[in-house]
Amino acid sequence: MERKNQKTVTTMGLALFAMFFGAGNLIFPPFMGYQLGADWVVGTIGYTIMDAGLSILTVLAIVLNSEGTIDGLTKKIGRLPGTIFLTTVIICIGPGLALPRTAATTYEMGVSTLFPWLNTWIFGIIFFGIALALAIRPNKVVDIIGKYLTPLLLITMVILIVAGIVTPVGEITPVEGTLPLKTGMLAGYQTMDVLAALLFSGIIIVAAQGYGYSTKREIAGSVARAGVIAGLLLAVVYAGLAYLGATASGPAFAGYEQGNLLLMLTQKLLGFPGSVLLTTIVFLACLTTAVGLISVAGNYFEKLTKGALSYKAIVIIVSVFSCVVSNIGLSAIISISAPILTVLFPLAIILVISGLV
């Protein structure tokens, strides 16, 4: 039983890591390292605190409250305000913003280079078709992500990071005029993972119940341990990606932006296979996040409508809508998300801290 428990906790932790590790998590750490150069370690600490640290605290705030659910956290501000807040969060990090960004990022950071003849509409249909097929069975979401997709994602990430350590693209140089801790914290702030943690916790709690954890203490303990596993994996991967970016901090690499920086790094390190590897990493990272978000939206709105809309109907609607929105392009999506995040993020952080207290 102990071996089985540890195995299921590990599966939940891997699934939680993969759901958190989406588009922003892949783009922001290398660019942060690129901006900070020799101060990349301090920046990574700030990034990890604001991203992985707050995300795991969010998971703990949910599983340790009196009800052990997201409702136990949001009801502290009243049932109606809590429902409005949670619905807005789900729409923003679901079909309105983050879900379309998963497909747009995958296309712009890899697919468009390898398959220039493939337009965004065709790719969007393929991407969300796969995500829908994986998410349409809610009781299998954690198994599919934790046991199959996450190991593939981690293997590809390890290959890229190890290549950057063995044969770095350049020397890490000091960059003047930077505020490393602030830069790292602001970069971590942009990933949306605190908001995502509010929702992904529900999937992990349901998975824990499905694995046989029955009491509140057992569920809280298993989910908390899974959160620690996810947080540690995120911290290690962020450090590796930030280091890769820092190796390009010299004047020879000036002028790169977030997306094309990572593409340049992989091509310098591994040549054309690097482009294939990056496409695979981006695809897996964004797919796991998309599957998690689609499943969250399906579960939430089925419960909100008291079954008037079925889980399957909702996930189909969300997938189709997200496919359409993804075709307005990655830059446009990010420009829309920024002001909304400015409002939602402080509210979420305050709610989590008050819940922990």
Protein backbone atom coordinates (compact mmCIF):
# COMPACT_ATOMS: atom_id res chain seq x y z
CA MET A 1 0.00 0.00 0.00
CA GLU A 2 2.85 2.41 0.78
CA ARG A 3 4.42 1.77 -2.63
CA LYS A 4 1.06 2.27 -4.29
CA ASN A 5 0.49 5.49 -2.35
CA GLN A 6 3.89 6.88 -3.30
CA LYS A 7 3.32 5.93 -6.93
CA THR A 8 -0.04 7.68 -7.08
CA VAL A 9 1.34 10.78 -5.32
CA THR A 10 4.19 10.89 -7.84
CA THR A 11 1.72 10.59 -10.72
CA MET A 12 -0.34 13.45 -9.30
CA GLY A 13 2.79 15.55 -8.79
CA LEU A 14 3.95 14.96 -12.35
CA ALA A 15 0.50 15.83 -13.68
CA LEU A 16 0.38 19.02 -11.63
CA PHE A 17 3.85 20.01 -12.86
CA ALA A 18 2.85 19.51 -16.49
CA MET A 19 -0.41 21.43 -16.13
CA PHE A 20 1.48 24.37 -14.60
CA PHE A 21 4.29 24.20 -17.16
CA GLY A 22 2.73 25.92 -20.14
CA ALA A 23 3.57 28.65 -22.59
CA GLY A 24 4.77 31.35 -20.19
CA ASN A 25 6.79 28.90 -18.12
CA LEU A 26 8.79 27.97 -21.19
CA ILE A 27 9.27 31.48 -22.59
CA PHE A 28 9.91 33.66 -19.54
CA PRO A 29 12.82 31.91 -17.67
CA PRO A 30 15.29 31.90 -20.61
CA PHE A 31 14.49 35.53 -21.42
CA MET A 32 14.92 36.46 -17.76
CA GLY A 33 18.35 34.79 -17.74
CA TYR A 34 19.18 36.58 -20.98
CA GLN A 35 18.27 39.95 -19.40
CA LEU A 36 20.16 39.34 -16.15
CA GLY A 37 23.32 37.56 -17.28
CA ALA A 38 25.53 36.85 -14.26
CA ASP A 39 22.63 37.64 -11.91
CA TRP A 40 20.47 34.83 -13.31
CA VAL A 41 20.54 32.86 -10.04
CA VAL A 42 18.98 35.71 -8.03
CA GLY A 43 16.42 36.23 -10.78
CA THR A 44 15.54 32.54 -10.74
CA ILE A 45 14.95 32.68 -6.99
CA GLY A 46 12.52 35.58 -7.46
CA TYR A 47 10.84 33.84 -10.37
CA THR A 48 10.44 30.59 -8.44
CA ILE A 49 9.00 32.37 -5.40
CA MET A 50 6.34 34.17 -7.46
CA ASP A 51 5.52 31.19 -9.67
CA ALA A 52 6.12 27.79 -8.07
CA GLY A 53 6.14 29.10 -4.49
CA LEU A 54 2.82 30.92 -4.65
CA SER A 55 1.27 28.14 -6.73
CA ILE A 56 2.06 25.49 -4.12
CA LEU A 57 0.82 27.79 -1.35
CA THR A 58 -2.42 28.07 -3.33
CA VAL A 59 -2.76 24.29 -3.48
CA LEU A 60 -2.17 24.10 0.29
CA ALA A 61 -4.70 26.87 0.98
CA ILE A 62 -7.32 24.85 -0.87
CA VAL A 63 -6.70 21.36 0.53
CA LEU A 64 -6.14 22.54 4.12
CA ASN A 65 -9.25 24.70 4.55
CA SER A 66 -12.30 23.43 6.43
CA GLU A 67 -13.93 21.96 3.31
CA GLY A 68 -10.78 20.92 1.50
CA THR A 69 -12.05 22.40 -1.79
CA ILE A 70 -11.87 25.62 -3.79
CA ASP A 71 -15.35 26.51 -2.46
CA GLY A 72 -13.94 26.49 1.06
CA LEU A 73 -11.53 29.23 -0.03
CA THR A 74 -13.76 31.43 -2.19
CA LYS A 75 -16.71 31.40 0.22
CA LYS A 76 -14.64 33.58 2.55
CA ILE A 77 -15.61 36.55 0.37
CA GLY A 78 -19.24 35.45 0.08
CA ARG A 79 -20.93 32.88 -2.14
CA LEU A 80 -21.92 35.23 -4.98
CA PRO A 81 -18.65 37.24 -5.09
CA GLY A 82 -16.73 33.95 -4.85
CA THR A 83 -18.66 32.48 -7.77
CA ILE A 84 -18.16 35.62 -9.87
CA PHE A 85 -14.44 35.67 -9.09
CA LEU A 86 -13.92 31.97 -9.86
CA THR A 87 -15.99 32.14 -13.06
CA THR A 88 -13.95 35.12 -14.26
CA VAL A 89 -10.70 33.29 -13.50
CA ILE A 90 -11.82 30.19 -15.40
CA ILE A 91 -12.88 32.23 -18.42
CA CYS A 92 -9.63 34.21 -18.42
CA ILE A 93 -7.20 31.35 -18.05
CA GLY A 94 -9.46 29.07 -20.06
CA PRO A 95 -11.14 29.81 -23.38
CA GLY A 96 -10.72 33.59 -23.19
CA LEU A 97 -6.94 33.85 -22.95
CA ALA A 98 -4.62 31.08 -21.75
CA LEU A 99 -6.16 28.18 -23.68
CA PRO A 100 -5.89 29.92 -27.07
CA ARG A 101 -2.36 30.97 -26.12
CA THR A 102 -1.30 27.32 -25.82
CA ALA A 103 -2.08 26.69 -29.48
CA ALA A 104 -0.74 30.07 -30.66
CA THR A 105 2.55 29.53 -28.82
CA THR A 106 2.98 26.03 -30.19
CA TYR A 107 2.42 27.26 -33.72
CA GLU A 108 4.61 30.38 -33.57
CA MET A 109 7.49 28.76 -31.67
CA GLY A 110 7.93 25.58 -33.66
CA VAL A 111 5.24 24.33 -35.98
CA SER A 112 5.41 27.33 -38.33
CA THR A 113 9.16 26.74 -38.77
CA LEU A 114 8.97 23.00 -39.45
CA PHE A 115 5.70 23.06 -41.37
CA PRO A 116 5.41 26.48 -43.07
CA TRP A 117 2.63 25.19 -45.32
CA LEU A 118 0.40 24.49 -42.30
CA ASN A 119 -1.80 27.49 -41.51
CA THR A 120 -3.03 28.42 -38.05
CA TRP A 121 -6.58 27.21 -38.62
CA ILE A 122 -5.57 23.70 -39.62
CA PHE A 123 -3.08 23.47 -36.78
CA GLY A 124 -5.61 24.82 -34.27
CA ILE A 125 -8.09 22.13 -35.28
CA ILE A 126 -5.43 19.43 -34.90
CA PHE A 127 -4.15 20.78 -31.56
CA PHE A 128 -7.52 21.22 -29.90
CA GLY A 129 -8.78 17.98 -31.42
CA ILE A 130 -5.99 16.10 -29.61
CA ALA A 131 -6.54 18.08 -26.39
CA LEU A 132 -10.27 17.40 -26.52
CA ALA A 133 -9.72 13.67 -27.10
CA LEU A 134 -7.49 13.52 -24.01
CA ALA A 135 -9.75 15.66 -21.80
CA ILE A 136 -13.13 14.21 -22.69
CA ARG A 137 -12.76 11.46 -20.06
CA PRO A 138 -12.41 13.45 -16.80
CA ASN A 139 -11.45 10.45 -14.65
CA LYS A 140 -8.43 9.75 -16.87
CA VAL A 141 -6.96 13.24 -17.16
CA VAL A 142 -4.40 12.91 -14.35
CA ASP A 143 -3.38 9.41 -15.46
CA ILE A 144 -2.86 10.50 -19.06
CA ILE A 145 -0.84 13.59 -18.13
CA GLY A 146 1.08 12.18 -15.17
CA LYS A 147 1.97 8.76 -16.55
CA TYR A 148 2.51 9.48 -20.24
CA LEU A 149 2.77 13.13 -21.30
CA THR A 150 4.87 14.46 -18.41
CA PRO A 151 7.70 11.90 -18.71
CA LEU A 152 7.99 12.76 -22.42
CA LEU A 153 8.06 16.47 -21.57
CA LEU A 154 10.73 16.01 -18.90
CA ILE A 155 12.93 13.87 -21.16
CA THR A 156 12.92 16.50 -23.91
CA MET A 157 13.59 19.27 -21.38
CA VAL A 158 16.54 17.37 -19.89
CA ILE A 159 18.07 16.87 -23.34
CA LEU A 160 17.93 20.61 -24.07
CA ILE A 161 19.21 21.74 -20.66
CA VAL A 162 22.06 19.21 -20.55
CA ALA A 163 23.13 20.24 -24.06
CA GLY A 164 23.24 23.87 -22.87
CA ILE A 165 25.36 22.94 -19.85
CA VAL A 166 27.83 20.76 -21.79
CA THR A 167 28.25 23.11 -24.76
CA PRO A 168 26.97 26.60 -23.81
CA VAL A 169 26.34 29.02 -26.65
CA GLY A 170 28.46 31.72 -24.99
CA GLU A 171 29.93 33.16 -21.80
CA ILE A 172 27.68 34.41 -19.02
CA THR A 173 28.42 38.13 -18.71
CA PRO A 174 27.42 40.78 -16.16
CA VAL A 175 24.55 43.04 -17.24
CA GLU A 176 24.51 46.50 -15.68
CA GLY A 177 21.44 48.40 -14.55
CA THR A 178 19.30 45.36 -13.71
CA LEU A 179 17.23 44.58 -10.63
CA PRO A 180 17.51 40.78 -10.64
CA LEU A 181 15.09 39.90 -7.84
CA LYS A 182 12.43 42.30 -9.12
CA THR A 183 12.91 41.16 -12.72
CA GLY A 184 12.54 37.53 -11.70
CA MET A 185 9.47 38.15 -9.57
CA LEU A 186 7.74 40.14 -12.30
CA ALA A 187 8.49 37.40 -14.83
CA GLY A 188 7.03 34.78 -12.48
CA TYR A 189 4.01 36.99 -11.96
CA GLN A 190 3.18 36.83 -15.68
CA THR A 191 2.76 33.04 -15.88
CA MET A 192 -0.80 32.99 -14.45
CA ASP A 193 0.08 29.95 -12.35
CA VAL A 194 -1.46 31.23 -9.11
CA LEU A 195 -4.76 31.52 -10.94
CA ALA A 196 -4.20 28.14 -12.56
CA ALA A 197 -3.45 26.59 -9.17
CA LEU A 198 -6.90 27.62 -7.95
CA LEU A 199 -8.36 25.38 -10.64
CA PHE A 200 -5.84 22.57 -11.11
CA SER A 201 -6.08 21.75 -7.41
CA GLY A 202 -9.61 20.51 -8.02
CA ILE A 203 -8.42 18.02 -10.64
CA ILE A 204 -5.76 16.68 -8.27
CA ILE A 205 -8.24 16.43 -5.37
CA VAL A 206 -10.64 14.41 -7.55
CA ALA A 207 -7.73 12.24 -8.68
CA ALA A 208 -6.71 11.61 -5.05
CA GLN A 209 -10.25 10.47 -4.27
CA GLY A 210 -10.17 8.21 -7.32
CA TYR A 211 -6.90 6.68 -6.13
CA GLY A 212 -8.55 5.63 -2.87
CA TYR A 213 -7.73 8.47 -0.48
CA SER A 214 -10.97 8.87 1.42
CA THR A 215 -10.56 11.03 4.52
CA LYS A 216 -9.89 14.77 4.39
CA ARG A 217 -6.51 14.22 6.05
CA GLU A 218 -5.47 11.58 3.51
CA ILE A 219 -6.57 13.72 0.56
CA ALA A 220 -4.86 16.82 1.95
CA GLY A 221 -1.65 14.91 2.65
CA SER A 222 -1.46 13.28 -0.78
CA VAL A 223 -2.27 16.51 -2.65
CA ALA A 224 0.20 18.50 -0.55
CA ARG A 225 2.98 15.99 -1.30
CA ALA A 226 2.07 16.08 -4.98
CA GLY A 227 2.31 19.88 -4.84
CA VAL A 228 5.80 19.69 -3.35
CA ILE A 229 6.91 17.33 -6.14
CA ALA A 230 5.49 19.69 -8.76
CA GLY A 231 7.11 22.71 -7.12
CA LEU A 232 10.55 21.11 -6.94
CA LEU A 233 10.39 20.01 -10.57
CA LEU A 234 9.34 23.49 -11.65
CA ALA A 235 12.21 25.07 -9.70
CA VAL A 236 14.81 22.77 -11.28
CA VAL A 237 13.50 23.29 -14.81
CA TYR A 238 13.30 27.07 -14.34
CA ALA A 239 16.92 27.15 -13.18
CA GLY A 240 18.02 25.16 -16.21
CA LEU A 241 16.12 27.39 -18.64
CA ALA A 242 17.37 30.58 -16.97
CA TYR A 243 20.94 29.30 -17.24
CA LEU A 244 20.46 28.68 -20.98
CA GLY A 245 19.29 32.28 -21.40
CA ALA A 246 22.19 33.62 -19.34
CA THR A 247 24.71 31.95 -21.67
CA ALA A 248 23.40 34.26 -24.42
CA SER A 249 23.76 37.44 -22.36
CA GLY A 250 26.87 38.61 -24.21
CA PRO A 251 26.82 41.43 -26.80
CA ALA A 252 26.98 38.91 -29.67
CA PHE A 253 23.38 37.92 -28.94
CA ALA A 254 21.83 41.36 -28.49
CA GLY A 255 18.36 42.10 -29.81
CA TYR A 256 16.50 38.84 -29.24
CA GLU A 257 12.91 38.75 -28.06
CA GLN A 258 11.18 36.15 -25.87
CA GLY A 259 10.07 33.63 -28.47
CA ASN A 260 12.96 33.74 -30.94
CA LEU A 261 15.55 33.63 -28.12
CA LEU A 262 14.62 30.07 -27.21
CA LEU A 263 14.51 29.08 -30.86
CA MET A 264 17.98 30.51 -31.41
CA LEU A 265 19.34 28.68 -28.36
CA THR A 266 18.06 25.29 -29.46
CA GLN A 267 19.34 25.76 -33.01
CA LYS A 268 22.78 26.85 -31.76
CA LEU A 269 22.99 23.91 -29.39
CA LEU A 270 21.55 21.12 -31.53
CA GLY A 271 21.14 22.42 -35.08
CA PHE A 272 18.05 21.34 -37.01
CA PRO A 273 17.30 18.55 -34.48
CA GLY A 274 17.11 21.38 -31.96
CA SER A 275 14.20 22.90 -33.85
CA VAL A 276 12.45 19.55 -33.80
CA LEU A 277 13.18 19.15 -30.08
CA LEU A 278 11.88 22.65 -29.28
CA THR A 279 8.70 22.00 -31.24
CA THR A 280 8.22 18.79 -29.27
CA ILE A 281 8.81 20.55 -25.94
CA VAL A 282 6.45 23.40 -26.77
CA PHE A 283 3.79 21.01 -28.06
CA LEU A 284 3.90 18.78 -24.96
CA ALA A 285 4.09 21.71 -22.52
CA CYS A 286 1.15 23.50 -24.09
CA LEU A 287 -0.87 20.33 -24.68
CA THR A 288 -0.71 19.24 -21.03
CA THR A 289 -1.80 22.69 -19.90
CA ALA A 290 -4.60 22.75 -22.47
CA VAL A 291 -5.91 19.34 -21.38
CA GLY A 292 -5.94 20.49 -17.75
CA LEU A 293 -7.70 23.78 -18.52
CA ILE A 294 -10.32 22.15 -20.74
CA SER A 295 -11.05 19.60 -18.02
CA VAL A 296 -11.30 22.31 -15.36
CA ALA A 297 -13.78 24.31 -17.45
CA GLY A 298 -15.86 21.19 -18.09
CA ASN A 299 -16.05 20.21 -14.42
CA TYR A 300 -16.74 23.74 -13.20
CA PHE A 301 -19.50 24.73 -15.60
CA GLU A 302 -21.19 21.33 -15.31
CA LYS A 303 -21.37 21.91 -11.54
CA LEU A 304 -22.34 25.59 -11.93
CA THR A 305 -25.26 24.72 -14.24
CA LYS A 306 -26.20 21.76 -11.99
CA GLY A 307 -25.89 19.34 -14.87
CA ALA A 308 -27.93 21.37 -17.38
CA LEU A 309 -24.78 21.41 -19.49
CA SER A 310 -22.92 18.11 -19.52
CA TYR A 311 -19.14 17.83 -19.11
CA LYS A 312 -18.74 16.53 -22.67
CA ALA A 313 -20.80 19.34 -24.17
CA ILE A 314 -18.84 21.99 -22.29
CA VAL A 315 -15.39 20.65 -23.21
CA ILE A 316 -16.41 20.53 -26.88
CA ILE A 317 -17.70 24.13 -26.77
CA VAL A 318 -14.58 25.33 -24.94
CA SER A 319 -12.25 23.55 -27.39
CA VAL A 320 -14.00 24.98 -30.47
CA PHE A 321 -14.12 28.50 -29.02
CA SER A 322 -10.44 28.35 -28.02
CA CYS A 323 -9.49 27.18 -31.50
CA VAL A 324 -11.17 30.22 -33.02
CA VAL A 325 -9.62 32.69 -30.56
CA SER A 326 -6.12 31.21 -31.02
CA ASN A 327 -6.06 32.51 -34.59
CA ILE A 328 -5.79 36.17 -33.55
CA GLY A 329 -2.09 35.49 -32.76
CA LEU A 330 0.11 35.12 -29.67
CA SER A 331 1.11 38.79 -29.29
CA ALA A 332 -2.49 39.98 -29.42
CA ILE A 333 -3.55 37.40 -26.82
CA ILE A 334 -0.81 38.48 -24.42
CA SER A 335 -1.69 42.16 -24.88
CA ILE A 336 -5.29 41.40 -23.92
CA SER A 337 -4.35 39.23 -20.93
CA ALA A 338 -2.08 41.79 -19.24
CA PRO A 339 -4.71 44.28 -17.96
CA ILE A 340 -7.04 41.49 -16.83
CA LEU A 341 -4.23 39.80 -14.92
CA THR A 342 -3.44 43.11 -13.27
CA VAL A 343 -6.87 42.96 -11.65
CA LEU A 344 -7.20 39.22 -10.96
CA PHE A 345 -3.73 38.38 -9.66
CA PRO A 346 -3.70 40.63 -6.55
CA LEU A 347 -7.19 39.41 -5.65
CA ALA A 348 -6.12 35.79 -5.97
CA ILE A 349 -2.96 36.30 -3.91
CA ILE A 350 -4.89 38.08 -1.13
CA LEU A 351 -7.51 35.31 -1.12
CA VAL A 352 -4.82 32.61 -0.84
CA ILE A 353 -2.96 34.38 1.97
CA SER A 354 -6.17 35.00 3.92
CA GLY A 355 -7.11 31.36 3.41
CA LEU A 356 -3.78 30.19 4.79
CA VAL A 357 -4.11 32.50 7.79
